[in-house]
């Protein structure tokens, strides 16, 4: 099945991924978790989008995990075509939080 960006959805161990690139990143993170380089790997974590104390929507990232330093890392696998204005706006809103939610883009 293709999505609106022509990426073919992938299934691995019953988990759904929006693209082959996203699945490949998951395989790397899965291996890192087995090697105890990262912890608490989550797929499709959701974050409420809040403006002036009101929920205006939600953002779903590709991955969330904790690195060895204890930092929470949020990752989103992106291509030029999926880096839309909507995505950029959501990323900016999350960056205004205290503490800020910073998204690491995997290109």
C-alpha atoms as a PDB file:
ATOM      1  CA  UNK A   1       0.000   0.000   0.000  1.00  0.00           C
ATOM      2  CA  UNK A   2       1.285   3.455  -0.912  1.00  0.00           C
ATOM      3  CA  UNK A   3       0.722   6.631   1.024  1.00  0.00           C
ATOM      4  CA  UNK A   4       0.226  10.136  -0.351  1.00  0.00           C
ATOM      5  CA  UNK A   5       4.002  10.565  -0.792  1.00  0.00           C
ATOM      6  CA  UNK A   6       4.339   7.323  -2.851  1.00  0.00           C
ATOM      7  CA  UNK A   7       6.167   5.557  -0.021  1.00  0.00           C
ATOM      8  CA  UNK A   8       5.220   1.913   0.396  1.00  0.00           C
ATOM      9  CA  UNK A   9       3.979   1.007   3.853  1.00  0.00           C
ATOM     10  CA  UNK A  10       6.006  -1.718   5.537  1.00  0.00           C
ATOM     11  CA  UNK A  11       5.138  -4.296   8.213  1.00  0.00           C
ATOM     12  CA  UNK A  12       7.770  -5.867  10.460  1.00  0.00           C
ATOM     13  CA  UNK A  13       6.958  -8.067  13.460  1.00  0.00           C
ATOM     14  CA  UNK A  14       3.376  -6.815  13.327  1.00  0.00           C
ATOM     15  CA  UNK A  15       4.474  -3.171  13.497  1.00  0.00           C
ATOM     16  CA  UNK A  16       3.466  -0.776  10.706  1.00  0.00           C
ATOM     17  CA  UNK A  17       5.853   1.755   9.181  1.00  0.00           C
ATOM     18  CA  UNK A  18       5.023   4.498   6.683  1.00  0.00           C
ATOM     19  CA  UNK A  19       8.074   3.830   4.513  1.00  0.00           C
ATOM     20  CA  UNK A  20      11.020   1.542   3.919  1.00  0.00           C
ATOM     21  CA  UNK A  21      13.297   4.306   5.212  1.00  0.00           C
ATOM     22  CA  UNK A  22      11.356   4.463   8.500  1.00  0.00           C
ATOM     23  CA  UNK A  23      11.592   0.673   8.875  1.00  0.00           C
ATOM     24  CA  UNK A  24      15.348   0.785   8.221  1.00  0.00           C
ATOM     25  CA  UNK A  25      15.747   3.396  10.972  1.00  0.00           C
ATOM     26  CA  UNK A  26      13.689   1.222  13.323  1.00  0.00           C
ATOM     27  CA  UNK A  27      15.976  -1.755  12.674  1.00  0.00           C
ATOM     28  CA  UNK A  28      18.986   0.382  13.651  1.00  0.00           C
ATOM     29  CA  UNK A  29      17.259   1.626  16.813  1.00  0.00           C
ATOM     30  CA  UNK A  30      16.091  -1.900  17.691  1.00  0.00           C
ATOM     31  CA  UNK A  31      19.692  -3.123  17.481  1.00  0.00           C
ATOM     32  CA  UNK A  32      20.893  -0.159  19.575  1.00  0.00           C
ATOM     33  CA  UNK A  33      18.309  -1.024  22.225  1.00  0.00           C
ATOM     34  CA  UNK A  34      19.429  -4.671  22.294  1.00  0.00           C
ATOM     35  CA  UNK A  35      23.011  -3.433  22.784  1.00  0.00           C
ATOM     36  CA  UNK A  36      21.758  -1.174  25.618  1.00  0.00           C
ATOM     37  CA  UNK A  37      22.885   1.964  23.796  1.00  0.00           C
ATOM     38  CA  UNK A  38      19.329   3.341  24.044  1.00  0.00           C
ATOM     39  CA  UNK A  39      16.362   2.506  26.269  1.00  0.00           C
ATOM     40  CA  UNK A  40      12.547   2.545  26.212  1.00  0.00           C
ATOM     41  CA  UNK A  41      12.173   2.699  22.428  1.00  0.00           C
ATOM     42  CA  UNK A  42       8.640   3.805  21.512  1.00  0.00           C
ATOM     43  CA  UNK A  43       7.000   3.873  18.091  1.00  0.00           C
ATOM     44  CA  UNK A  44       4.536   6.577  17.067  1.00  0.00           C
ATOM     45  CA  UNK A  45       4.626   8.588  20.329  1.00  0.00           C
ATOM     46  CA  UNK A  46       2.029  11.353  20.431  1.00  0.00           C
ATOM     47  CA  UNK A  47       2.370  14.859  21.832  1.00  0.00           C
ATOM     48  CA  UNK A  48      -0.469  17.349  22.352  1.00  0.00           C
ATOM     49  CA  UNK A  49      -0.073  20.640  20.517  1.00  0.00           C
ATOM     50  CA  UNK A  50      -0.854  23.427  22.984  1.00  0.00           C
ATOM     51  CA  UNK A  51      -1.128  27.151  22.252  1.00  0.00           C
ATOM     52  CA  UNK A  52      -2.018  29.587  25.054  1.00  0.00           C
ATOM     53  CA  UNK A  53      -3.018  26.652  27.245  1.00  0.00           C
ATOM     54  CA  UNK A  54      -5.440  25.205  24.679  1.00  0.00           C
ATOM     55  CA  UNK A  55      -5.033  21.957  22.809  1.00  0.00           C
ATOM     56  CA  UNK A  56      -5.135  22.649  19.079  1.00  0.00           C
ATOM     57  CA  UNK A  57      -4.100  19.217  17.828  1.00  0.00           C
ATOM     58  CA  UNK A  58      -1.471  16.548  18.246  1.00  0.00           C
ATOM     59  CA  UNK A  59       1.854  15.588  16.760  1.00  0.00           C
ATOM     60  CA  UNK A  60       2.847  11.980  16.154  1.00  0.00           C
ATOM     61  CA  UNK A  61       6.587  11.364  15.830  1.00  0.00           C
ATOM     62  CA  UNK A  62       8.173   8.208  14.447  1.00  0.00           C
ATOM     63  CA  UNK A  63      10.303   7.261  17.469  1.00  0.00           C
ATOM     64  CA  UNK A  64      11.040   8.218  21.050  1.00  0.00           C
ATOM     65  CA  UNK A  65      13.796   6.778  23.236  1.00  0.00           C
ATOM     66  CA  UNK A  66      16.216   7.591  26.032  1.00  0.00           C
ATOM     67  CA  UNK A  67      19.945   7.745  25.308  1.00  0.00           C
ATOM     68  CA  UNK A  68      22.762   6.767  27.685  1.00  0.00           C
ATOM     69  CA  UNK A  69      22.926  10.334  29.027  1.00  0.00           C
ATOM     70  CA  UNK A  70      19.293  10.031  30.132  1.00  0.00           C
ATOM     71  CA  UNK A  71      18.079  12.461  27.473  1.00  0.00           C
ATOM     72  CA  UNK A  72      14.759  11.855  25.772  1.00  0.00           C
ATOM     73  CA  UNK A  73      15.203  11.810  21.990  1.00  0.00           C
ATOM     74  CA  UNK A  74      12.334  12.326  19.543  1.00  0.00           C
ATOM     75  CA  UNK A  75      12.998  11.272  15.949  1.00  0.00           C
ATOM     76  CA  UNK A  76      11.108  11.747  12.735  1.00  0.00           C
ATOM     77  CA  UNK A  77      12.215  10.177   9.456  1.00  0.00           C
ATOM     78  CA  UNK A  78      11.790  12.828   6.780  1.00  0.00           C
ATOM     79  CA  UNK A  79      12.405  13.395   3.108  1.00  0.00           C
ATOM     80  CA  UNK A  80      12.265  16.660   1.214  1.00  0.00           C
ATOM     81  CA  UNK A  81       8.654  15.999   0.229  1.00  0.00           C
ATOM     82  CA  UNK A  82       7.447  15.049   3.745  1.00  0.00           C
ATOM     83  CA  UNK A  83       8.977  18.124   5.371  1.00  0.00           C
ATOM     84  CA  UNK A  84       5.773  20.103   4.869  1.00  0.00           C
ATOM     85  CA  UNK A  85       4.762  23.514   6.216  1.00  0.00           C
ATOM     86  CA  UNK A  86       2.372  21.738   8.591  1.00  0.00           C
ATOM     87  CA  UNK A  87       5.218  19.612   9.974  1.00  0.00           C
ATOM     88  CA  UNK A  88       7.505  22.645  10.351  1.00  0.00           C
ATOM     89  CA  UNK A  89       4.784  24.550  12.256  1.00  0.00           C
ATOM     90  CA  UNK A  90       4.160  21.604  14.608  1.00  0.00           C
ATOM     91  CA  UNK A  91       7.892  21.288  15.224  1.00  0.00           C
ATOM     92  CA  UNK A  92       8.095  24.996  16.104  1.00  0.00           C
ATOM     93  CA  UNK A  93       5.160  24.737  18.521  1.00  0.00           C
ATOM     94  CA  UNK A  94       6.783  21.797  20.344  1.00  0.00           C
ATOM     95  CA  UNK A  95      10.066  23.713  20.586  1.00  0.00           C
ATOM     96  CA  UNK A  96       8.282  26.442  22.605  1.00  0.00           C
ATOM     97  CA  UNK A  97       7.367  24.028  25.420  1.00  0.00           C
ATOM     98  CA  UNK A  98       9.122  24.106  28.767  1.00  0.00           C
ATOM     99  CA  UNK A  99      11.158  21.986  28.618  1.00  0.00           C
ATOM    100  CA  UNK A 100      11.230  22.151  24.824  1.00  0.00           C
ATOM    101  CA  UNK A 101      10.440  19.062  22.772  1.00  0.00           C
ATOM    102  CA  UNK A 102      13.125  18.963  20.107  1.00  0.00           C
ATOM    103  CA  UNK A 103      12.640  16.721  17.085  1.00  0.00           C
ATOM    104  CA  UNK A 104      15.688  15.141  15.490  1.00  0.00           C
ATOM    105  CA  UNK A 105      15.132  14.691  11.762  1.00  0.00           C
ATOM    106  CA  UNK A 106      16.517  11.601  10.085  1.00  0.00           C
ATOM    107  CA  UNK A 107      16.969  12.509   6.425  1.00  0.00           C
END
